[in-house]
Amino acid sequence: MAYGMQIYNASGALTIDYVDRLIRFVQTGTASVSSSGYVDITISGMANNDSWIVLLGSRPGMSAGTSPSNYATKSTNNLRIYGASGTYTYYVFRG
């Protein structure tokens, strides 16, 4: 017999099962990248694996159609954001 939570919608369809992997919000903030081209942010418990998800927002004032070359790398307790000088918004989740 399996144990866990199951959630059904109003029509009786199973929407979340005990075997589903859910994500949780960990941290958000803004980070300013200087002329060095990167900024380091401490994220307690972070590891370089697929259970951590990082989303980056665009720099303010960017016009539509521009392709920013910003990206993030994960390592032990650390998030490094690379990009052109400017301020970036980041969101960290864990699955």
N, C-alpha and C. Protein backbone atom coordinates (compact mmCIF):
# COMPACT_ATOMS: atom_id res chain seq x y z
N MET A 1 0.84 -1.18 0.00
CA MET A 1 0.00 0.00 0.00
C MET A 1 0.88 1.24 0.00
N ALA A 2 0.60 2.17 -0.90
CA ALA A 2 1.36 3.41 -0.99
C ALA A 2 0.82 4.44 -0.02
N TYR A 3 1.69 5.31 0.43
CA TYR A 3 1.31 6.39 1.34
C TYR A 3 1.66 7.71 0.71
N GLY A 4 0.87 8.72 0.97
CA GLY A 4 1.15 10.05 0.46
C GLY A 4 -0.13 10.81 0.18
N MET A 5 0.05 12.00 -0.33
CA MET A 5 -1.08 12.88 -0.58
C MET A 5 -1.48 12.80 -2.05
N GLN A 6 -2.78 12.81 -2.29
CA GLN A 6 -3.33 12.91 -3.63
C GLN A 6 -4.34 14.04 -3.64
N ILE A 7 -4.29 14.88 -4.68
CA ILE A 7 -5.20 16.01 -4.78
C ILE A 7 -6.00 15.87 -6.07
N TYR A 8 -7.32 16.03 -5.93
CA TYR A 8 -8.24 15.91 -7.05
C TYR A 8 -8.87 17.27 -7.31
N ASN A 9 -9.19 17.55 -8.58
CA ASN A 9 -9.88 18.81 -8.88
C ASN A 9 -11.38 18.62 -8.69
N ALA A 10 -12.15 19.67 -8.97
CA ALA A 10 -13.61 19.63 -8.75
C ALA A 10 -14.31 18.58 -9.60
N SER A 11 -13.70 18.19 -10.71
CA SER A 11 -14.30 17.17 -11.58
C SER A 11 -13.92 15.75 -11.17
N GLY A 12 -13.11 15.63 -10.13
CA GLY A 12 -12.70 14.33 -9.66
C GLY A 12 -11.46 13.76 -10.33
N ALA A 13 -10.80 14.57 -11.17
CA ALA A 13 -9.57 14.12 -11.83
C ALA A 13 -8.38 14.32 -10.90
N LEU A 14 -7.49 13.35 -10.85
CA LEU A 14 -6.28 13.42 -10.03
C LEU A 14 -5.34 14.46 -10.64
N THR A 15 -4.96 15.48 -9.87
CA THR A 15 -4.07 16.53 -10.38
C THR A 15 -2.68 16.45 -9.79
N ILE A 16 -2.56 16.04 -8.53
CA ILE A 16 -1.25 15.86 -7.89
C ILE A 16 -1.27 14.52 -7.18
N ASP A 17 -0.27 13.70 -7.49
CA ASP A 17 -0.18 12.36 -6.91
C ASP A 17 1.05 12.29 -6.00
N TYR A 18 1.10 11.30 -5.16
CA TYR A 18 2.22 11.16 -4.22
C TYR A 18 3.54 10.86 -4.93
N VAL A 19 3.51 10.48 -6.19
CA VAL A 19 4.74 10.21 -6.92
C VAL A 19 5.22 11.44 -7.71
N ASP A 20 4.41 12.51 -7.76
CA ASP A 20 4.79 13.72 -8.48
C ASP A 20 5.89 14.45 -7.75
N ARG A 21 6.76 15.07 -8.52
CA ARG A 21 7.84 15.87 -7.94
C ARG A 21 7.44 17.34 -8.04
N LEU A 22 7.32 17.99 -6.90
CA LEU A 22 6.92 19.39 -6.86
C LEU A 22 8.14 20.26 -6.58
N ILE A 23 8.09 21.50 -7.05
CA ILE A 23 9.20 22.41 -6.76
C ILE A 23 8.81 23.35 -5.65
N ARG A 24 9.83 23.89 -4.99
CA ARG A 24 9.57 24.88 -3.95
C ARG A 24 10.44 26.10 -4.20
N PHE A 25 9.89 27.23 -3.86
CA PHE A 25 10.60 28.49 -4.00
C PHE A 25 11.67 28.57 -2.94
N VAL A 26 12.89 29.00 -3.31
CA VAL A 26 14.00 29.11 -2.36
C VAL A 26 14.38 30.56 -2.11
N GLN A 27 14.62 31.32 -3.18
CA GLN A 27 15.13 32.68 -2.99
C GLN A 27 14.94 33.49 -4.26
N THR A 28 14.78 34.79 -4.09
CA THR A 28 14.77 35.72 -5.21
C THR A 28 15.55 36.97 -4.80
N GLY A 29 15.94 37.74 -5.78
CA GLY A 29 16.65 38.97 -5.48
C GLY A 29 17.13 39.63 -6.77
N THR A 30 17.85 40.71 -6.60
CA THR A 30 18.48 41.36 -7.73
C THR A 30 19.98 41.36 -7.50
N ALA A 31 20.70 41.29 -8.58
CA ALA A 31 22.15 41.28 -8.49
C ALA A 31 22.71 42.20 -9.57
N SER A 32 23.69 42.99 -9.20
CA SER A 32 24.32 43.90 -10.14
C SER A 32 25.63 43.31 -10.64
N VAL A 33 25.70 43.13 -11.94
CA VAL A 33 26.92 42.64 -12.58
C VAL A 33 27.76 43.85 -12.94
N SER A 34 29.01 43.83 -12.53
CA SER A 34 29.91 44.95 -12.81
C SER A 34 30.73 44.63 -14.06
N SER A 35 31.77 45.39 -14.26
CA SER A 35 32.62 45.20 -15.43
C SER A 35 33.36 43.85 -15.40
N SER A 36 33.38 43.18 -14.24
CA SER A 36 34.03 41.86 -14.16
C SER A 36 33.26 40.83 -14.99
N GLY A 37 31.97 41.10 -15.24
CA GLY A 37 31.17 40.21 -16.06
C GLY A 37 30.39 39.16 -15.30
N TYR A 38 30.53 39.13 -13.96
CA TYR A 38 29.75 38.17 -13.17
C TYR A 38 29.59 38.66 -11.74
N VAL A 39 28.64 38.04 -11.04
CA VAL A 39 28.43 38.31 -9.63
C VAL A 39 28.10 36.98 -8.96
N ASP A 40 28.63 36.76 -7.74
CA ASP A 40 28.35 35.55 -6.97
C ASP A 40 27.31 35.84 -5.90
N ILE A 41 26.39 34.89 -5.72
CA ILE A 41 25.33 35.00 -4.71
C ILE A 41 25.33 33.72 -3.90
N THR A 42 25.32 33.83 -2.58
CA THR A 42 25.28 32.66 -1.72
C THR A 42 23.86 32.12 -1.64
N ILE A 43 23.70 30.85 -1.98
CA ILE A 43 22.42 30.14 -1.86
C ILE A 43 22.69 28.91 -1.01
N SER A 44 22.28 28.94 0.22
CA SER A 44 22.56 27.85 1.16
C SER A 44 22.01 26.52 0.65
N GLY A 45 22.84 25.52 0.59
CA GLY A 45 22.44 24.18 0.18
C GLY A 45 22.45 23.93 -1.31
N MET A 46 22.71 24.95 -2.12
CA MET A 46 22.68 24.77 -3.57
C MET A 46 23.77 23.80 -4.01
N ALA A 47 23.45 23.02 -5.02
CA ALA A 47 24.40 22.10 -5.63
C ALA A 47 24.25 22.19 -7.14
N ASN A 48 25.26 21.74 -7.85
CA ASN A 48 25.22 21.75 -9.31
C ASN A 48 24.56 20.47 -9.80
N ASN A 49 23.22 20.42 -9.66
CA ASN A 49 22.47 19.27 -10.16
C ASN A 49 21.10 19.72 -10.64
N ASP A 50 20.35 18.79 -11.21
CA ASP A 50 19.07 19.13 -11.83
C ASP A 50 17.95 19.40 -10.84
N SER A 51 18.19 19.23 -9.54
CA SER A 51 17.12 19.53 -8.58
C SER A 51 17.03 21.04 -8.31
N TRP A 52 17.99 21.81 -8.78
CA TRP A 52 17.98 23.27 -8.61
C TRP A 52 17.64 23.93 -9.94
N ILE A 53 16.71 24.90 -9.89
CA ILE A 53 16.27 25.62 -11.08
C ILE A 53 16.50 27.11 -10.87
N VAL A 54 17.14 27.75 -11.82
CA VAL A 54 17.42 29.19 -11.74
C VAL A 54 16.80 29.87 -12.94
N LEU A 55 16.02 30.92 -12.69
CA LEU A 55 15.44 31.75 -13.75
C LEU A 55 16.02 33.15 -13.62
N LEU A 56 16.40 33.73 -14.74
CA LEU A 56 16.95 35.09 -14.75
C LEU A 56 16.02 36.01 -15.50
N GLY A 57 15.84 37.21 -14.96
CA GLY A 57 15.06 38.24 -15.63
C GLY A 57 15.98 39.09 -16.49
N SER A 58 15.40 39.87 -17.37
CA SER A 58 16.17 40.75 -18.25
C SER A 58 16.64 41.98 -17.51
N ARG A 59 17.64 42.60 -18.08
CA ARG A 59 18.10 43.86 -17.54
C ARG A 59 17.07 44.94 -17.85
N PRO A 60 16.84 45.86 -16.92
CA PRO A 60 15.89 46.95 -17.19
C PRO A 60 16.34 47.76 -18.40
N GLY A 61 15.38 48.20 -19.19
CA GLY A 61 15.70 49.04 -20.35
C GLY A 61 16.04 48.26 -21.60
N MET A 62 16.01 46.94 -21.57
CA MET A 62 16.31 46.15 -22.77
C MET A 62 15.15 46.25 -23.74
N SER A 63 15.45 46.41 -24.99
CA SER A 63 14.37 46.50 -25.98
C SER A 63 13.96 45.11 -26.43
N ALA A 64 12.74 45.00 -26.90
CA ALA A 64 12.23 43.71 -27.37
C ALA A 64 13.05 43.24 -28.56
N GLY A 65 13.26 41.94 -28.62
CA GLY A 65 14.00 41.36 -29.74
C GLY A 65 15.49 41.26 -29.49
N THR A 66 15.97 41.82 -28.40
CA THR A 66 17.41 41.69 -28.10
C THR A 66 17.64 40.35 -27.42
N SER A 67 18.75 39.74 -27.71
CA SER A 67 19.09 38.46 -27.07
C SER A 67 20.18 38.71 -26.04
N PRO A 68 19.82 38.78 -24.77
CA PRO A 68 20.84 39.01 -23.75
C PRO A 68 21.71 37.77 -23.61
N SER A 69 22.98 37.98 -23.37
CA SER A 69 23.90 36.84 -23.18
C SER A 69 24.15 36.65 -21.69
N ASN A 70 23.08 36.64 -20.92
CA ASN A 70 23.22 36.41 -19.49
C ASN A 70 22.86 34.96 -19.19
N TYR A 71 23.57 34.37 -18.23
CA TYR A 71 23.29 33.01 -17.81
C TYR A 71 23.82 32.82 -16.41
N ALA A 72 23.45 31.70 -15.80
CA ALA A 72 23.85 31.42 -14.42
C ALA A 72 24.46 30.03 -14.35
N THR A 73 25.41 29.88 -13.44
CA THR A 73 25.97 28.56 -13.15
C THR A 73 25.76 28.27 -11.67
N LYS A 74 25.57 26.99 -11.35
CA LYS A 74 25.33 26.55 -9.98
C LYS A 74 26.57 25.81 -9.48
N SER A 75 26.89 26.00 -8.20
CA SER A 75 27.94 25.22 -7.54
C SER A 75 27.56 25.12 -6.07
N THR A 76 28.38 24.47 -5.29
CA THR A 76 28.07 24.26 -3.87
C THR A 76 27.85 25.59 -3.17
N ASN A 77 26.62 25.80 -2.67
CA ASN A 77 26.22 27.01 -1.94
C ASN A 77 26.41 28.31 -2.71
N ASN A 78 26.47 28.25 -4.03
CA ASN A 78 26.77 29.45 -4.79
C ASN A 78 26.04 29.48 -6.14
N LEU A 79 25.58 30.67 -6.49
CA LEU A 79 25.00 30.93 -7.79
C LEU A 79 25.84 32.04 -8.41
N ARG A 80 26.31 31.83 -9.64
CA ARG A 80 27.09 32.86 -10.32
C ARG A 80 26.31 33.29 -11.55
N ILE A 81 26.04 34.60 -11.64
CA ILE A 81 25.31 35.17 -12.77
C ILE A 81 26.32 35.90 -13.65
N TYR A 82 26.32 35.54 -14.94
CA TYR A 82 27.19 36.18 -15.93
C TYR A 82 26.34 37.06 -16.82
N GLY A 83 26.92 38.15 -17.31
CA GLY A 83 26.20 39.00 -18.25
C GLY A 83 26.89 40.34 -18.40
N ALA A 84 26.28 41.16 -19.23
CA ALA A 84 26.78 42.52 -19.41
C ALA A 84 26.50 43.31 -18.14
N SER A 85 27.22 44.40 -17.95
CA SER A 85 27.01 45.22 -16.76
C SER A 85 25.56 45.64 -16.66
N GLY A 86 24.99 45.50 -15.48
CA GLY A 86 23.60 45.85 -15.26
C GLY A 86 23.03 45.07 -14.10
N THR A 87 21.75 45.26 -13.86
CA THR A 87 21.07 44.59 -12.74
C THR A 87 20.16 43.50 -13.28
N TYR A 88 20.24 42.33 -12.66
CA TYR A 88 19.45 41.18 -13.07
C TYR A 88 18.58 40.71 -11.89
N THR A 89 17.41 40.23 -12.19
CA THR A 89 16.56 39.62 -11.18
C THR A 89 16.71 38.11 -11.32
N TYR A 90 16.86 37.41 -10.19
CA TYR A 90 16.99 35.96 -10.24
C TYR A 90 15.95 35.31 -9.33
N TYR A 91 15.55 34.11 -9.72
CA TYR A 91 14.58 33.30 -8.95
C TYR A 91 15.18 31.90 -8.84
N VAL A 92 15.21 31.36 -7.63
CA VAL A 92 15.78 30.04 -7.39
C VAL A 92 14.70 29.12 -6.83
N PHE A 93 14.60 27.93 -7.43
CA PHE A 93 13.64 26.91 -7.00
C PHE A 93 14.38 25.59 -6.81
N ARG A 94 13.79 24.71 -6.03
CA ARG A 94 14.36 23.37 -5.84
C ARG A 94 13.27 22.34 -5.99
N GLY A 95 13.56 21.31 -6.75
CA GLY A 95 12.61 20.24 -6.99
C GLY A 95 12.83 19.06 -6.09
